[in-house]
Amino acid sequence: MADTTTPRHESEPNMKPPHDFAGAAALSICEALLLALNDHKILPEAEIVGVLKDAASAHEAAAKLEESEAHAAVAALINAILDGGNSVRRPASDQPA
């Protein structure tokens, strides 16, 4: 089995490739859980958006503190999810402000 943490180029950091299957599965599971919490009126959409914003902020702070490209990439992904809306349920234009 290939070592997925080995950089493909010397300038590339030792990070897993973006097609990390475990990460994609975790993201899908978390998205489904957040949608279910909203569907069952356990958490309103504004709270779910707040959770995502808090997660992005935590990774942005860690990226600055640790000079970590991994944290910066995670923050960028979460922000892209926030900016893009839920691909399964609604377009970005329907997002709460």
C-alpha atoms as a PDB file:
ATOM      1  CA  MET A   1       0.000   0.000   0.000  1.00  0.00           C
ATOM      2  CA  ALA A   2       1.365   3.433  -0.944  1.00  0.00           C
ATOM      3  CA  ASP A   3       2.352   5.958   1.708  1.00  0.00           C
ATOM      4  CA  THR A   4      -0.201   8.763   1.251  1.00  0.00           C
ATOM      5  CA  THR A   5       1.711  11.151   3.517  1.00  0.00           C
ATOM      6  CA  THR A   6       4.767  11.316   1.259  1.00  0.00           C
ATOM      7  CA  PRO A   7       4.871  14.574  -0.707  1.00  0.00           C
ATOM      8  CA  ARG A   8       4.613  14.207  -4.469  1.00  0.00           C
ATOM      9  CA  HIS A   9       6.905  17.230  -4.875  1.00  0.00           C
ATOM     10  CA  GLU A  10       9.560  18.605  -2.546  1.00  0.00           C
ATOM     11  CA  SER A  11       7.606  21.860  -2.089  1.00  0.00           C
ATOM     12  CA  GLU A  12       4.411  20.030  -1.114  1.00  0.00           C
ATOM     13  CA  PRO A  13       3.698  19.523   2.606  1.00  0.00           C
ATOM     14  CA  ASN A  14       3.335  16.048   4.120  1.00  0.00           C
ATOM     15  CA  MET A  15      -0.465  15.956   3.987  1.00  0.00           C
ATOM     16  CA  LYS A  16      -2.932  13.321   2.915  1.00  0.00           C
ATOM     17  CA  PRO A  17      -4.252  13.855  -0.593  1.00  0.00           C
ATOM     18  CA  PRO A  18      -7.621  15.597  -0.997  1.00  0.00           C
ATOM     19  CA  HIS A  19      -9.184  12.264  -1.943  1.00  0.00           C
ATOM     20  CA  ASP A  20      -8.752  10.952   1.603  1.00  0.00           C
ATOM     21  CA  PHE A  21     -11.636   8.479   1.806  1.00  0.00           C
ATOM     22  CA  ALA A  22     -11.916   8.505   5.597  1.00  0.00           C
ATOM     23  CA  GLY A  23     -12.145  12.294   5.576  1.00  0.00           C
ATOM     24  CA  ALA A  24     -14.791  12.269   2.849  1.00  0.00           C
ATOM     25  CA  ALA A  25     -16.806   9.678   4.766  1.00  0.00           C
ATOM     26  CA  ALA A  26     -16.562  11.693   7.991  1.00  0.00           C
ATOM     27  CA  LEU A  27     -17.657  14.848   6.188  1.00  0.00           C
ATOM     28  CA  SER A  28     -20.665  13.069   4.683  1.00  0.00           C
ATOM     29  CA  ILE A  29     -21.672  11.580   8.034  1.00  0.00           C
ATOM     30  CA  CYS A  30     -21.380  14.942   9.804  1.00  0.00           C
ATOM     31  CA  GLU A  31     -23.412  16.651   7.093  1.00  0.00           C
ATOM     32  CA  ALA A  32     -26.131  14.007   7.412  1.00  0.00           C
ATOM     33  CA  LEU A  33     -26.177  14.414  11.203  1.00  0.00           C
ATOM     34  CA  LEU A  34     -26.459  18.203  10.980  1.00  0.00           C
ATOM     35  CA  LEU A  35     -29.278  17.880   8.451  1.00  0.00           C
ATOM     36  CA  ALA A  36     -31.091  15.369  10.671  1.00  0.00           C
ATOM     37  CA  LEU A  37     -30.723  17.648  13.716  1.00  0.00           C
ATOM     38  CA  ASN A  38     -32.323  20.427  11.697  1.00  0.00           C
ATOM     39  CA  ASP A  39     -35.038  18.217  10.188  1.00  0.00           C
ATOM     40  CA  HIS A  40     -36.099  17.013  13.646  1.00  0.00           C
ATOM     41  CA  LYS A  41     -36.073  20.576  14.955  1.00  0.00           C
ATOM     42  CA  ILE A  42     -33.330  19.807  17.477  1.00  0.00           C
ATOM     43  CA  LEU A  43     -31.088  22.575  16.140  1.00  0.00           C
ATOM     44  CA  PRO A  44     -32.262  25.512  14.035  1.00  0.00           C
ATOM     45  CA  GLU A  45     -30.356  26.233  10.828  1.00  0.00           C
ATOM     46  CA  ALA A  46     -28.812  29.380  12.322  1.00  0.00           C
ATOM     47  CA  GLU A  47     -27.239  27.280  15.101  1.00  0.00           C
ATOM     48  CA  ILE A  48     -25.869  24.790  12.601  1.00  0.00           C
ATOM     49  CA  VAL A  49     -24.336  27.607  10.571  1.00  0.00           C
ATOM     50  CA  GLY A  50     -22.865  28.929  13.835  1.00  0.00           C
ATOM     51  CA  VAL A  51     -21.306  25.532  14.579  1.00  0.00           C
ATOM     52  CA  LEU A  52     -19.668  25.521  11.150  1.00  0.00           C
ATOM     53  CA  LYS A  53     -18.435  29.104  11.566  1.00  0.00           C
ATOM     54  CA  ASP A  54     -16.978  28.234  14.990  1.00  0.00           C
ATOM     55  CA  ALA A  55     -15.196  25.216  13.510  1.00  0.00           C
ATOM     56  CA  ALA A  56     -13.760  27.311  10.683  1.00  0.00           C
ATOM     57  CA  SER A  57     -12.619  30.001  13.129  1.00  0.00           C
ATOM     58  CA  ALA A  58     -10.908  27.432  15.349  1.00  0.00           C
ATOM     59  CA  HIS A  59      -8.951  26.059  12.396  1.00  0.00           C
ATOM     60  CA  GLU A  60      -8.098  29.569  11.156  1.00  0.00           C
ATOM     61  CA  ALA A  61      -6.678  30.423  14.594  1.00  0.00           C
ATOM     62  CA  ALA A  62      -4.745  27.144  14.751  1.00  0.00           C
ATOM     63  CA  ALA A  63      -3.374  27.746  11.254  1.00  0.00           C
ATOM     64  CA  LYS A  64      -1.958  31.105  12.346  1.00  0.00           C
ATOM     65  CA  LEU A  65      -0.667  29.837  15.687  1.00  0.00           C
ATOM     66  CA  GLU A  66       0.960  26.705  14.314  1.00  0.00           C
ATOM     67  CA  GLU A  67       1.646  27.990  10.782  1.00  0.00           C
ATOM     68  CA  SER A  68      -0.231  24.900   9.640  1.00  0.00           C
ATOM     69  CA  GLU A  69      -1.287  24.438   6.038  1.00  0.00           C
ATOM     70  CA  ALA A  70      -3.520  21.552   7.123  1.00  0.00           C
ATOM     71  CA  HIS A  71      -5.554  23.761   9.488  1.00  0.00           C
ATOM     72  CA  ALA A  72      -5.756  26.471   6.824  1.00  0.00           C
ATOM     73  CA  ALA A  73      -7.033  23.935   4.285  1.00  0.00           C
ATOM     74  CA  VAL A  74      -9.667  22.644   6.724  1.00  0.00           C
ATOM     75  CA  ALA A  75     -10.830  26.205   7.460  1.00  0.00           C
ATOM     76  CA  ALA A  76     -11.043  26.947   3.733  1.00  0.00           C
ATOM     77  CA  LEU A  77     -13.098  23.795   3.146  1.00  0.00           C
ATOM     78  CA  ILE A  78     -15.556  24.648   5.934  1.00  0.00           C
ATOM     79  CA  ASN A  79     -15.883  28.213   4.633  1.00  0.00           C
ATOM     80  CA  ALA A  80     -16.508  26.876   1.125  1.00  0.00           C
ATOM     81  CA  ILE A  81     -19.282  24.682   2.525  1.00  0.00           C
ATOM     82  CA  LEU A  82     -20.778  27.728   4.245  1.00  0.00           C
ATOM     83  CA  ASP A  83     -20.483  29.828   1.079  1.00  0.00           C
ATOM     84  CA  GLY A  84     -21.832  27.119  -1.183  1.00  0.00           C
ATOM     85  CA  GLY A  85     -24.883  26.073   0.782  1.00  0.00           C
ATOM     86  CA  ASN A  86     -25.987  22.491   1.138  1.00  0.00           C
ATOM     87  CA  SER A  87     -25.603  20.724  -2.169  1.00  0.00           C
ATOM     88  CA  VAL A  88     -28.296  18.186  -1.286  1.00  0.00           C
ATOM     89  CA  ARG A  89     -31.009  20.410   0.150  1.00  0.00           C
ATOM     90  CA  ARG A  90     -30.756  24.015  -0.955  1.00  0.00           C
ATOM     91  CA  PRO A  91     -28.745  26.393  -3.137  1.00  0.00           C
ATOM     92  CA  ALA A  92     -26.411  28.983  -1.602  1.00  0.00           C
ATOM     93  CA  SER A  93     -28.853  31.806  -2.378  1.00  0.00           C
ATOM     94  CA  ASP A  94     -31.296  30.372   0.184  1.00  0.00           C
ATOM     95  CA  GLN A  95     -28.827  30.558   3.088  1.00  0.00           C
ATOM     96  CA  PRO A  96     -29.707  32.532   6.191  1.00  0.00           C
ATOM     97  CA  ALA A  97     -27.781  35.785   6.654  1.00  0.00           C
END
